[in-house]
N, C-alpha and C. Protein backbone atom coordinates (compact mmCIF):
# COMPACT_ATOMS: atom_id res chain seq x y z
N MET A 1 -1.80 2.72 4.45
CA MET A 1 -3.43 2.40 4.31
C MET A 1 -3.84 1.48 5.30
N ASP A 2 -4.15 1.19 6.48
CA ASP A 2 -4.79 0.75 7.37
C ASP A 2 -5.93 0.53 8.00
N SER A 3 -6.80 -0.13 9.22
CA SER A 3 -7.48 0.05 9.34
C SER A 3 -7.93 -0.85 10.92
N LYS A 4 -8.19 -0.51 12.15
CA LYS A 4 -7.98 -0.89 12.61
C LYS A 4 -9.70 -1.57 14.00
N HIS A 5 -10.04 -2.79 14.53
CA HIS A 5 -11.15 -2.15 14.69
C HIS A 5 -11.67 -2.63 16.13
N ASP A 6 -10.65 -2.84 17.21
CA ASP A 6 -10.91 -3.17 18.45
C ASP A 6 -10.63 -1.83 19.33
N LEU A 7 -10.48 -0.33 18.50
CA LEU A 7 -9.78 0.53 19.27
C LEU A 7 -11.49 1.73 20.02
N ASN A 8 -12.32 0.60 19.97
CA ASN A 8 -13.52 1.69 20.40
C ASN A 8 -14.83 0.35 20.52
N ASN A 9 -15.43 0.71 21.78
CA ASN A 9 -16.76 -0.30 21.90
C ASN A 9 -17.25 -0.42 21.16
N ASP A 10 -17.89 0.33 20.27
CA ASP A 10 -18.74 -0.15 18.80
C ASP A 10 -17.94 -1.12 18.28
N ARG A 11 -16.77 -0.96 18.06
CA ARG A 11 -15.99 -1.99 17.14
C ARG A 11 -16.07 -1.18 15.86
N ALA A 12 -16.08 -0.31 15.84
CA ALA A 12 -16.04 0.50 14.31
C ALA A 12 -14.68 0.85 14.03
N PRO A 13 -14.77 0.75 12.50
CA PRO A 13 -13.46 0.39 12.26
C PRO A 13 -13.02 2.11 11.66
N VAL A 14 -11.37 2.17 12.72
CA VAL A 14 -10.52 3.59 12.21
C VAL A 14 -9.64 2.51 10.64
N LEU A 15 -9.66 4.11 10.28
CA LEU A 15 -9.06 3.77 8.57
C LEU A 15 -7.63 4.99 8.87
N VAL A 16 -6.99 4.47 9.00
CA VAL A 16 -5.22 5.29 9.16
C VAL A 16 -4.89 5.45 8.24
N PHE A 17 -4.19 6.63 7.52
CA PHE A 17 -3.60 6.71 6.90
C PHE A 17 -2.28 7.74 6.93
N VAL A 18 -1.18 7.10 6.71
CA VAL A 18 0.50 7.43 6.78
C VAL A 18 0.94 7.65 5.77
N VAL A 19 1.78 8.97 6.33
CA VAL A 19 2.83 9.42 5.24
C VAL A 19 4.02 9.26 5.22
N GLU A 20 4.65 8.99 4.91
CA GLU A 20 6.32 9.72 5.11
C GLU A 20 6.33 11.16 4.94
N ASN A 21 7.10 12.01 6.09
CA ASN A 21 7.26 13.08 6.23
C ASN A 21 9.33 13.84 5.79
N ASN A 22 9.09 14.47 5.46
CA ASN A 22 10.44 15.09 5.22
C ASN A 22 11.83 14.58 5.56
N ALA A 23 11.77 13.48 6.48
CA ALA A 23 12.52 13.41 7.59
C ALA A 23 12.94 11.61 7.54
N GLY A 24 11.97 11.34 6.63
CA GLY A 24 11.88 10.10 6.38
C GLY A 24 11.02 8.88 7.18
N SER A 25 10.20 9.90 8.24
CA SER A 25 9.46 8.99 9.49
C SER A 25 7.60 8.97 8.57
N GLY A 26 7.65 8.25 9.28
CA GLY A 26 5.80 7.88 8.97
C GLY A 26 5.02 9.45 9.86
N THR A 27 4.29 9.63 9.48
CA THR A 27 3.15 11.12 9.92
C THR A 27 1.92 10.19 9.97
N PRO A 28 1.07 10.37 11.09
CA PRO A 28 -0.38 10.59 10.51
C PRO A 28 -0.99 11.26 9.99
N LEU A 29 -1.47 11.31 8.85
CA LEU A 29 -2.05 12.31 7.35
C LEU A 29 -3.83 12.27 8.19
N ALA A 30 -4.72 11.40 8.44
CA ALA A 30 -5.60 11.19 8.40
C ALA A 30 -6.05 9.69 8.96
N PHE A 31 -6.89 10.64 9.48
CA PHE A 31 -7.67 9.05 10.17
C PHE A 31 -9.46 9.20 9.42
N GLY A 32 -10.10 8.51 9.38
CA GLY A 32 -11.51 7.72 9.03
C GLY A 32 -12.16 7.54 9.66
N LEU A 33 -13.73 7.64 10.03
CA LEU A 33 -13.88 6.60 11.20
C LEU A 33 -15.82 6.47 10.85
N SER A 34 -16.21 4.56 10.35
CA SER A 34 -16.87 4.63 9.70
C SER A 34 -17.83 3.48 10.96
N ASN A 35 -19.02 3.38 10.13
CA ASN A 35 -19.97 1.82 10.96
C ASN A 35 -19.60 0.62 10.36
N LYS A 36 -18.99 0.72 9.14
CA LYS A 36 -18.46 -0.74 8.11
C LYS A 36 -17.18 -0.78 7.88
N GLU A 37 -16.57 -1.24 7.29
CA GLU A 37 -15.03 -1.12 6.35
C GLU A 37 -15.75 -2.51 5.37
N ASN A 38 -15.66 -1.14 4.06
CA ASN A 38 -15.52 -2.06 2.52
C ASN A 38 -15.34 -0.92 1.34
N GLN A 39 -15.74 -1.16 0.44
CA GLN A 39 -14.61 -0.40 -0.60
C GLN A 39 -15.41 1.08 -0.55
N TRP A 40 -16.28 0.81 -0.28
CA TRP A 40 -17.19 2.46 -0.35
C TRP A 40 -16.83 3.27 1.00
N THR A 41 -17.02 2.60 1.84
CA THR A 41 -16.54 3.47 2.67
C THR A 41 -14.81 4.23 3.16
N ILE A 42 -13.95 3.05 2.85
CA ILE A 42 -13.06 3.53 2.26
C ILE A 42 -12.47 4.53 1.54
N LYS A 43 -12.99 4.47 0.18
CA LYS A 43 -13.28 4.98 -1.55
C LYS A 43 -13.45 6.61 -0.67
N LEU A 44 -14.77 6.60 0.19
CA LEU A 44 -15.32 8.38 1.04
C LEU A 44 -13.88 8.37 1.85
N SER A 45 -13.43 8.32 1.91
CA SER A 45 -12.54 8.47 3.23
C SER A 45 -11.12 9.60 1.96
N ILE A 46 -11.20 8.29 0.97
CA ILE A 46 -9.75 8.80 0.23
C ILE A 46 -10.36 10.60 -0.41
N ILE A 47 -11.76 9.60 -1.13
CA ILE A 47 -12.08 11.29 -1.52
C ILE A 47 -12.17 12.61 -0.56
N ALA A 48 -12.30 12.24 0.55
CA ALA A 48 -12.31 13.37 1.59
C ALA A 48 -11.05 13.75 1.67
N ILE A 49 -10.07 13.09 1.76
CA ILE A 49 -8.84 13.44 2.48
C ILE A 49 -7.49 14.22 1.09
N LYS A 50 -7.82 13.37 -0.63
CA LYS A 50 -8.39 14.11 -1.66
C LYS A 50 -8.34 15.48 -2.04
N LYS A 51 -10.10 15.98 -1.35
CA LYS A 51 -10.40 17.05 -1.50
C LYS A 51 -9.60 18.29 -0.17
N ASN A 52 -8.99 17.87 0.70
CA ASN A 52 -8.61 18.72 2.16
C ASN A 52 -6.88 18.55 1.34
N ILE A 53 -6.39 17.95 1.11
CA ILE A 53 -4.87 18.11 0.62
C ILE A 53 -5.02 19.59 -0.71
N PRO A 54 -4.09 20.53 0.78
CA PRO A 54 -3.92 22.21 -0.23
C PRO A 54 -3.16 21.71 -1.27
N CYS A 55 -3.23 23.47 -1.92
CA CYS A 55 -2.24 23.47 -3.16
C CYS A 55 -1.05 23.68 -2.61
N ASP A 56 0.47 23.91 -3.33
CA ASP A 56 1.72 24.13 -2.53
C ASP A 56 1.99 25.33 -3.28
N ARG A 57 1.33 26.24 -3.62
CA ARG A 57 1.35 27.94 -3.40
C ARG A 57 1.67 28.54 -2.44
N ASP A 58 2.54 29.27 -2.16
CA ASP A 58 3.18 29.64 -1.08
C ASP A 58 2.34 31.12 -0.36
N ASP A 59 1.45 31.51 -1.78
CA ASP A 59 1.00 33.19 -2.10
C ASP A 59 -0.77 32.21 -1.09
N CYS A 60 -0.81 31.31 -1.08
CA CYS A 60 -2.40 31.27 -1.03
C CYS A 60 -3.00 30.48 0.37
N GLU A 61 -4.00 31.16 1.21
CA GLU A 61 -4.28 31.06 2.18
C GLU A 61 -4.76 29.40 2.62
N HIS A 62 -5.27 28.83 1.31
CA HIS A 62 -5.83 27.76 1.56
C HIS A 62 -7.03 27.63 2.94
N LYS A 63 -8.27 28.56 2.01
CA LYS A 63 -9.18 28.80 2.39
C LYS A 63 -9.99 27.58 2.52
N TRP A 64 -11.08 27.32 3.23
CA TRP A 64 -12.25 26.65 3.46
C TRP A 64 -13.27 26.74 4.41
N ASN A 65 -14.34 25.33 4.17
CA ASN A 65 -15.67 25.65 5.07
C ASN A 65 -16.37 24.63 4.59
N TYR A 66 -17.19 24.36 5.64
CA TYR A 66 -18.56 23.69 6.10
C TYR A 66 -19.71 23.84 4.75
N VAL A 67 -19.78 22.62 4.10
CA VAL A 67 -21.13 22.44 3.39
C VAL A 67 -22.16 21.36 3.79
N ASN A 68 -23.41 21.62 3.85
CA ASN A 68 -24.25 20.46 3.62
C ASN A 68 -23.99 19.31 2.66
N LEU A 69 -24.23 18.20 2.63
CA LEU A 69 -24.13 17.00 2.00
C LEU A 69 -26.26 17.26 1.19
N PRO A 70 -25.56 16.65 0.18
CA PRO A 70 -27.11 17.18 -0.58
C PRO A 70 -28.14 16.46 -0.49
N ASN A 71 -27.87 14.97 0.69
CA ASN A 71 -28.75 13.82 0.83
C ASN A 71 -29.23 14.74 2.65
N GLY A 72 -28.42 15.44 3.01
CA GLY A 72 -28.91 16.31 3.96
C GLY A 72 -28.44 15.22 5.95
N MET A 73 -27.69 14.11 5.37
CA MET A 73 -27.26 13.42 5.68
C MET A 73 -26.05 13.84 6.54
N GLY A 74 -25.45 14.85 6.80
CA GLY A 74 -24.16 15.46 6.85
C GLY A 74 -23.69 16.79 6.61
N PHE A 75 -22.31 16.57 6.64
CA PHE A 75 -21.65 17.81 6.00
C PHE A 75 -20.09 17.62 5.64
N GLU A 76 -19.96 18.09 4.77
CA GLU A 76 -18.62 17.82 4.64
C GLU A 76 -17.31 19.24 4.25
N ARG A 77 -16.40 18.97 4.61
CA ARG A 77 -15.27 20.41 4.42
C ARG A 77 -14.87 20.43 3.42
N VAL A 78 -14.68 21.71 2.95
CA VAL A 78 -15.01 22.44 1.35
C VAL A 78 -13.86 23.01 1.46
N ARG A 79 -12.20 22.63 0.73
CA ARG A 79 -11.09 23.88 0.34
C ARG A 79 -11.59 24.45 -0.97
N GLU A 80 -11.41 25.59 -0.66
CA GLU A 80 -11.33 26.71 -2.02
C GLU A 80 -10.14 26.50 -3.12
N CYS A 81 -9.03 25.27 -2.21
CA CYS A 81 -7.63 25.52 -3.17
C CYS A 81 -7.89 23.90 -2.92
N ASN A 82 -7.25 22.99 -3.72
CA ASN A 82 -6.81 21.97 -3.90
C ASN A 82 -5.73 21.47 -4.53
N SER A 83 -5.01 20.55 -4.48
CA SER A 83 -3.74 20.23 -5.06
C SER A 83 -4.40 18.99 -5.18
N PHE A 84 -4.49 19.35 -6.99
CA PHE A 84 -4.68 18.69 -8.02
C PHE A 84 -3.66 17.11 -8.15
N ASN A 85 -2.60 17.95 -8.13
CA ASN A 85 -1.12 16.43 -8.36
C ASN A 85 -0.79 15.88 -7.14
N TRP A 86 -1.45 15.66 -6.05
CA TRP A 86 -1.81 14.90 -5.29
C TRP A 86 -2.26 13.14 -5.74
N ASN A 87 -1.29 12.24 -6.06
CA ASN A 87 -1.80 11.21 -6.21
C ASN A 87 -0.98 9.67 -6.26
N PRO A 88 -0.28 9.80 -4.89
CA PRO A 88 0.42 8.31 -3.86
C PRO A 88 0.41 7.09 -4.51
N PHE A 89 1.15 6.10 -4.20
CA PHE A 89 0.75 4.50 -4.05
C PHE A 89 0.07 4.67 -2.68
N VAL A 90 -0.59 3.66 -2.70
CA VAL A 90 -0.64 3.27 -0.88
C VAL A 90 -0.48 1.62 -1.05
N MET A 91 0.04 2.53 0.18
CA MET A 91 0.85 0.67 1.09
C MET A 91 -0.32 -0.15 1.70
N THR A 92 -1.17 -0.89 1.53
CA THR A 92 -1.79 -1.87 2.20
C THR A 92 -1.42 -2.85 2.91
N ASP A 93 -2.55 -3.92 3.46
CA ASP A 93 -2.42 -5.44 3.65
C ASP A 93 -3.19 -5.88 1.94
N LYS A 94 -3.36 -7.18 2.40
CA LYS A 94 -3.57 -7.90 1.19
C LYS A 94 -5.35 -7.63 1.36
N HIS A 95 -6.06 -6.78 1.94
CA HIS A 95 -7.78 -6.55 1.78
C HIS A 95 -7.89 -6.11 0.64
N ARG A 96 -9.02 -6.64 0.43
CA ARG A 96 -9.36 -6.69 -0.99
C ARG A 96 -9.70 -5.49 -1.24
N PRO A 97 -10.63 -5.02 -0.55
CA PRO A 97 -11.79 -4.00 -0.70
C PRO A 97 -11.12 -2.86 -0.60
N SER A 98 -9.88 -2.91 0.01
CA SER A 98 -8.87 -1.58 0.50
C SER A 98 -8.22 -0.95 -1.64
N LYS A 99 -8.17 -2.91 -1.80
CA LYS A 99 -6.83 -2.20 -3.29
C LYS A 99 -8.45 -1.86 -4.38
N ILE A 100 -9.67 -2.47 -4.22
CA ILE A 100 -10.68 -2.11 -5.51
C ILE A 100 -10.96 -0.19 -4.83
N ALA A 101 -11.14 0.14 -3.73
CA ALA A 101 -11.26 1.04 -3.05
C ALA A 101 -10.47 2.27 -3.83
N VAL A 102 -9.24 1.61 -3.59
CA VAL A 102 -7.96 2.91 -4.66
C VAL A 102 -7.98 2.98 -6.10
N THR A 103 -8.61 2.10 -6.95
CA THR A 103 -8.82 1.79 -8.36
C THR A 103 -9.47 3.15 -8.38
N ASN A 104 -8.19 3.86 -9.42
CA ASN A 104 -9.17 5.09 -10.56
C ASN A 104 -8.91 6.21 -9.41
N ILE A 105 -8.77 6.48 -8.15
CA ILE A 105 -8.71 7.57 -7.38
C ILE A 105 -7.04 8.14 -6.98
N LEU A 106 -6.17 7.40 -6.69
CA LEU A 106 -4.85 6.92 -6.48
C LEU A 106 -4.08 6.49 -7.33
N ARG A 107 -2.73 6.05 -7.96
CA ARG A 107 -1.89 5.89 -8.89
C ARG A 107 -1.57 4.66 -8.21
N GLY A 108 -2.58 3.35 -7.77
CA GLY A 108 -2.06 2.48 -7.30
C GLY A 108 -1.84 1.89 -5.89
N THR A 109 -1.72 0.85 -5.88
CA THR A 109 -1.16 0.25 -4.67
C THR A 109 -0.16 -1.04 -4.31
N ILE A 110 0.46 -0.90 -2.99
CA ILE A 110 1.73 -2.34 -2.93
C ILE A 110 1.50 -2.56 -1.62
N LEU A 111 1.73 -3.64 -1.71
CA LEU A 111 1.18 -4.74 -1.14
C LEU A 111 3.19 -4.72 0.39
N CYS A 112 2.54 -3.91 1.67
CA CYS A 112 3.41 -3.93 3.04
C CYS A 112 4.29 -5.33 2.49
N TRP A 113 5.69 -5.25 3.18
CA TRP A 113 6.51 -6.22 2.77
C TRP A 113 6.29 -6.93 3.62
N PHE A 114 5.81 -7.06 5.11
CA PHE A 114 5.57 -8.06 6.02
C PHE A 114 4.52 -9.26 5.33
N HIS A 115 3.87 -8.58 4.88
CA HIS A 115 2.68 -9.67 3.43
C HIS A 115 3.19 -10.34 2.57
N ILE A 116 4.26 -9.29 1.83
CA ILE A 116 5.08 -9.76 0.65
C ILE A 116 5.65 -11.37 1.57
N MET A 117 6.30 -11.40 2.09
CA MET A 117 7.21 -11.66 2.48
C MET A 117 6.28 -13.20 3.37
N GLN A 118 5.18 -12.83 3.80
CA GLN A 118 4.57 -14.02 4.17
C GLN A 118 3.91 -14.55 2.71
N THR A 119 3.50 -14.40 2.17
CA THR A 119 3.21 -14.84 0.97
C THR A 119 4.45 -15.78 0.27
N ILE A 120 5.59 -14.87 0.42
CA ILE A 120 6.54 -15.75 0.25
C ILE A 120 6.55 -17.34 0.72
N GLY A 121 6.64 -17.11 2.10
CA GLY A 121 6.39 -18.22 3.22
C GLY A 121 5.85 -19.13 2.95
N GLU A 122 4.74 -18.88 2.23
CA GLU A 122 3.56 -19.57 2.11
C GLU A 122 3.91 -20.29 0.69
N ASN A 123 4.39 -19.75 -0.48
CA ASN A 123 4.47 -20.17 -1.68
C ASN A 123 5.70 -21.16 -0.99
N PHE A 124 7.08 -20.58 -0.02
CA PHE A 124 8.16 -21.96 0.33
C PHE A 124 7.36 -23.30 1.01
N ASN A 125 6.00 -23.08 1.17
CA ASN A 125 5.55 -24.69 1.91
C ASN A 125 5.07 -25.13 1.06
N GLN A 126 4.10 -24.23 -0.06
CA GLN A 126 2.85 -25.13 -1.24
C GLN A 126 4.57 -25.74 -1.80
N TRP A 127 5.35 -25.45 -2.56
CA TRP A 127 6.47 -25.83 -3.49
C TRP A 127 7.26 -26.95 -2.69
N ASN A 128 7.04 -27.51 -1.60
CA ASN A 128 8.46 -27.81 -0.45
C ASN A 128 9.52 -27.33 -1.03
N ILE A 129 10.44 -25.80 -1.12
CA ILE A 129 11.18 -25.39 -0.74
C ILE A 129 12.59 -25.73 0.42
N PRO A 130 13.34 -26.56 -0.03
CA PRO A 130 14.26 -27.62 1.32
C PRO A 130 14.67 -25.91 2.40
N TRP A 131 14.75 -27.01 3.33
CA TRP A 131 14.77 -25.26 4.62
C TRP A 131 15.90 -24.77 4.49
N SER A 132 17.14 -25.37 4.11
CA SER A 132 18.42 -24.60 4.18
C SER A 132 18.49 -23.57 2.73
N LEU A 133 17.28 -23.38 2.25
CA LEU A 133 17.45 -22.51 0.59
C LEU A 133 16.28 -21.39 0.90
N ARG A 134 15.62 -21.59 2.05
CA ARG A 134 15.06 -20.50 2.54
C ARG A 134 15.22 -19.21 2.57
N TYR A 135 16.22 -19.43 3.76
CA TYR A 135 16.49 -18.01 4.08
C TYR A 135 17.43 -17.27 2.67
N PRO A 136 18.24 -18.21 2.19
CA PRO A 136 18.36 -17.06 1.12
C PRO A 136 18.02 -16.80 0.10
N LEU A 137 16.60 -17.12 -0.29
CA LEU A 137 15.67 -17.43 -1.40
C LEU A 137 14.97 -16.14 -1.05
N ALA A 138 14.96 -16.05 0.64
CA ALA A 138 13.86 -14.51 1.25
C ALA A 138 14.70 -13.44 0.69
N LEU A 139 16.15 -13.74 1.42
CA LEU A 139 16.81 -12.30 1.12
C LEU A 139 17.34 -12.04 -0.05
N ALA A 140 17.50 -12.31 -0.50
CA ALA A 140 18.30 -12.59 -2.03
C ALA A 140 16.21 -11.29 -2.51
N PHE A 141 15.21 -11.84 -2.67
CA PHE A 141 13.71 -11.40 -2.85
C PHE A 141 14.26 -9.83 -2.31
N LYS A 142 13.89 -9.97 -0.85
CA LYS A 142 13.95 -8.87 -0.32
C LYS A 142 14.84 -7.52 -0.83
N ILE A 143 16.48 -8.48 -1.03
CA ILE A 143 17.40 -7.03 -1.77
C ILE A 143 16.87 -6.70 -2.57
N ILE A 144 16.20 -7.34 -3.88
CA ILE A 144 15.73 -6.77 -4.87
C ILE A 144 14.66 -5.97 -5.08
N GLY A 145 13.90 -5.80 -4.11
CA GLY A 145 12.30 -5.49 -3.32
C GLY A 145 12.94 -3.97 -3.07
N GLN A 146 13.89 -4.14 -2.33
CA GLN A 146 14.46 -2.85 -1.33
C GLN A 146 15.44 -2.16 -2.21
N SER A 147 15.45 -2.28 -3.23
CA SER A 147 16.64 -1.72 -4.57
C SER A 147 16.10 -0.50 -4.64
N ARG A 148 16.80 1.19 -4.96
CA ARG A 148 17.09 2.01 -4.92
C ARG A 148 16.26 2.84 -5.74
N THR A 149 16.92 1.54 -7.12
CA THR A 149 16.22 2.61 -8.25
C THR A 149 15.89 1.07 -9.01
N GLU A 150 15.43 1.94 -10.09
CA GLU A 150 14.44 0.15 -11.48
C GLU A 150 15.71 -0.77 -11.99
N ASN A 151 16.64 0.35 -12.33
CA ASN A 151 17.42 -0.38 -12.42
C ASN A 151 18.75 -1.31 -11.78
N GLU A 152 18.61 -0.96 -10.05
CA GLU A 152 19.68 -1.46 -10.05
C GLU A 152 18.63 -3.17 -9.41
N SER A 153 17.17 -2.67 -9.19
CA SER A 153 16.31 -4.07 -9.07
C SER A 153 16.50 -4.98 -10.19
N LYS A 154 16.39 -4.31 -11.21
CA LYS A 154 17.06 -5.77 -12.98
C LYS A 154 18.18 -6.19 -12.59
N GLU A 155 19.26 -5.53 -12.29
CA GLU A 155 19.95 -6.26 -11.65
C GLU A 155 20.79 -6.71 -10.93
N PHE A 156 19.66 -6.71 -9.80
CA PHE A 156 20.11 -7.62 -9.04
C PHE A 156 19.00 -9.11 -9.32
N GLY A 157 17.61 -8.91 -10.41
CA GLY A 157 16.48 -9.14 -10.68
C GLY A 157 17.66 -10.96 -11.21
N LEU A 158 18.36 -10.83 -12.19
CA LEU A 158 19.06 -11.02 -13.21
C LEU A 158 20.02 -12.06 -12.30
N LEU A 159 20.46 -11.20 -11.52
CA LEU A 159 21.47 -12.47 -10.34
C LEU A 159 20.49 -13.19 -9.72
N TYR A 160 19.13 -13.28 -9.34
CA TYR A 160 18.22 -13.90 -8.44
C TYR A 160 17.96 -15.05 -9.25
N GLN A 161 17.77 -14.78 -10.34
CA GLN A 161 17.46 -15.54 -11.66
C GLN A 161 18.45 -16.39 -11.88
N ASN A 162 19.49 -16.58 -11.98
CA ASN A 162 21.25 -17.06 -12.44
C ASN A 162 20.82 -17.90 -10.67
N PHE A 163 21.32 -17.20 -9.89
CA PHE A 163 20.93 -18.45 -8.25
C PHE A 163 20.14 -19.00 -8.19
N VAL A 164 18.60 -18.57 -8.58
CA VAL A 164 17.42 -19.45 -8.93
C VAL A 164 17.89 -21.04 -9.36
N ASN A 165 18.19 -20.33 -10.78
CA ASN A 165 18.76 -21.32 -11.96
C ASN A 165 20.04 -22.43 -11.38
N SER A 166 20.60 -21.98 -10.83
CA SER A 166 21.80 -23.13 -10.64
C SER A 166 21.85 -24.02 -8.98
N LEU A 167 20.16 -23.82 -8.38
CA LEU A 167 20.05 -24.76 -7.77
C LEU A 167 19.14 -25.92 -8.21
N LYS A 168 19.84 -27.40 -7.04
CA LYS A 168 19.32 -28.45 -7.70
C LYS A 168 17.47 -27.98 -7.16
N LEU A 169 16.79 -27.81 -7.50
CA LEU A 169 15.49 -27.90 -7.71
C LEU A 169 14.73 -28.29 -9.20
N PRO A 170 13.89 -29.10 -8.89
CA PRO A 170 12.78 -29.21 -10.41
C PRO A 170 12.61 -27.83 -11.04
N ASN A 171 12.77 -27.99 -12.44
CA ASN A 171 12.78 -26.65 -13.35
C ASN A 171 11.21 -25.87 -12.88
N ASN A 172 9.91 -26.59 -12.65
CA ASN A 172 8.98 -25.90 -12.73
C ASN A 172 9.13 -24.94 -11.07
N ILE A 173 9.49 -25.41 -10.02
CA ILE A 173 9.47 -25.09 -9.07
C ILE A 173 10.54 -23.46 -9.53
N LYS A 174 11.74 -23.57 -10.07
CA LYS A 174 12.57 -22.82 -10.48
C LYS A 174 11.94 -21.87 -11.03
N GLN A 175 10.56 -21.29 -12.32
CA GLN A 175 10.08 -21.15 -12.68
C GLN A 175 9.25 -20.57 -11.96
N LYS A 176 8.43 -20.94 -10.87
CA LYS A 176 8.16 -20.59 -10.01
C LYS A 176 8.74 -19.56 -9.41
N LEU A 177 9.50 -19.79 -9.05
CA LEU A 177 10.43 -19.24 -8.22
C LEU A 177 11.11 -17.58 -8.64
N ILE A 178 11.27 -17.53 -10.02
CA ILE A 178 10.96 -16.55 -10.76
C ILE A 178 9.93 -15.95 -11.15
N ALA A 179 9.08 -16.68 -11.33
CA ALA A 179 8.17 -15.73 -11.78
C ALA A 179 7.17 -15.03 -10.52
N ASP A 180 7.38 -15.52 -9.42
CA ASP A 180 7.29 -14.95 -8.19
C ASP A 180 7.81 -13.22 -8.15
N LEU A 181 8.78 -12.59 -8.74
CA LEU A 181 9.84 -12.34 -8.93
C LEU A 181 9.15 -10.95 -9.25
N ASN A 182 8.30 -11.14 -10.35
CA ASN A 182 8.01 -11.10 -11.34
C ASN A 182 6.47 -9.79 -10.82
């Protein structure tokens, strides 16, 4: 989930939802258009999407209709059936309103890899990690994060801790590097 502001003359934010399809590629699920971007407009978009995810019954026609909003300020599409099981994680950037909007509606948020690695780089700068160690540390961190199973990530995590503890760095920096993984 992400938004873009310069796609139209009014600079209205366009919220984009992309899901992984059966082939493992990203495909657009929905677009939200609003006059501003905040936790409420994002939450409304997510609720509208959830209401329109069809059930997974093969014998269902997935009927829907439009209903006027109670305040008379528009309409919404309402599906007769619904997939109440649809509760994914949402990958976001560091946009705090997005994280707040997802709370209690979806399973949770995951920070995208670009922003994770950007934060690691910022931490390396702040902690004065020598340049010769930055690439091996970042690569190890990324390998752990892209593990296929929780057990695999725990095994790699222990190897990472051993690697960090073997470095000639102050103990407080070692602890920060290890805590960053958690």
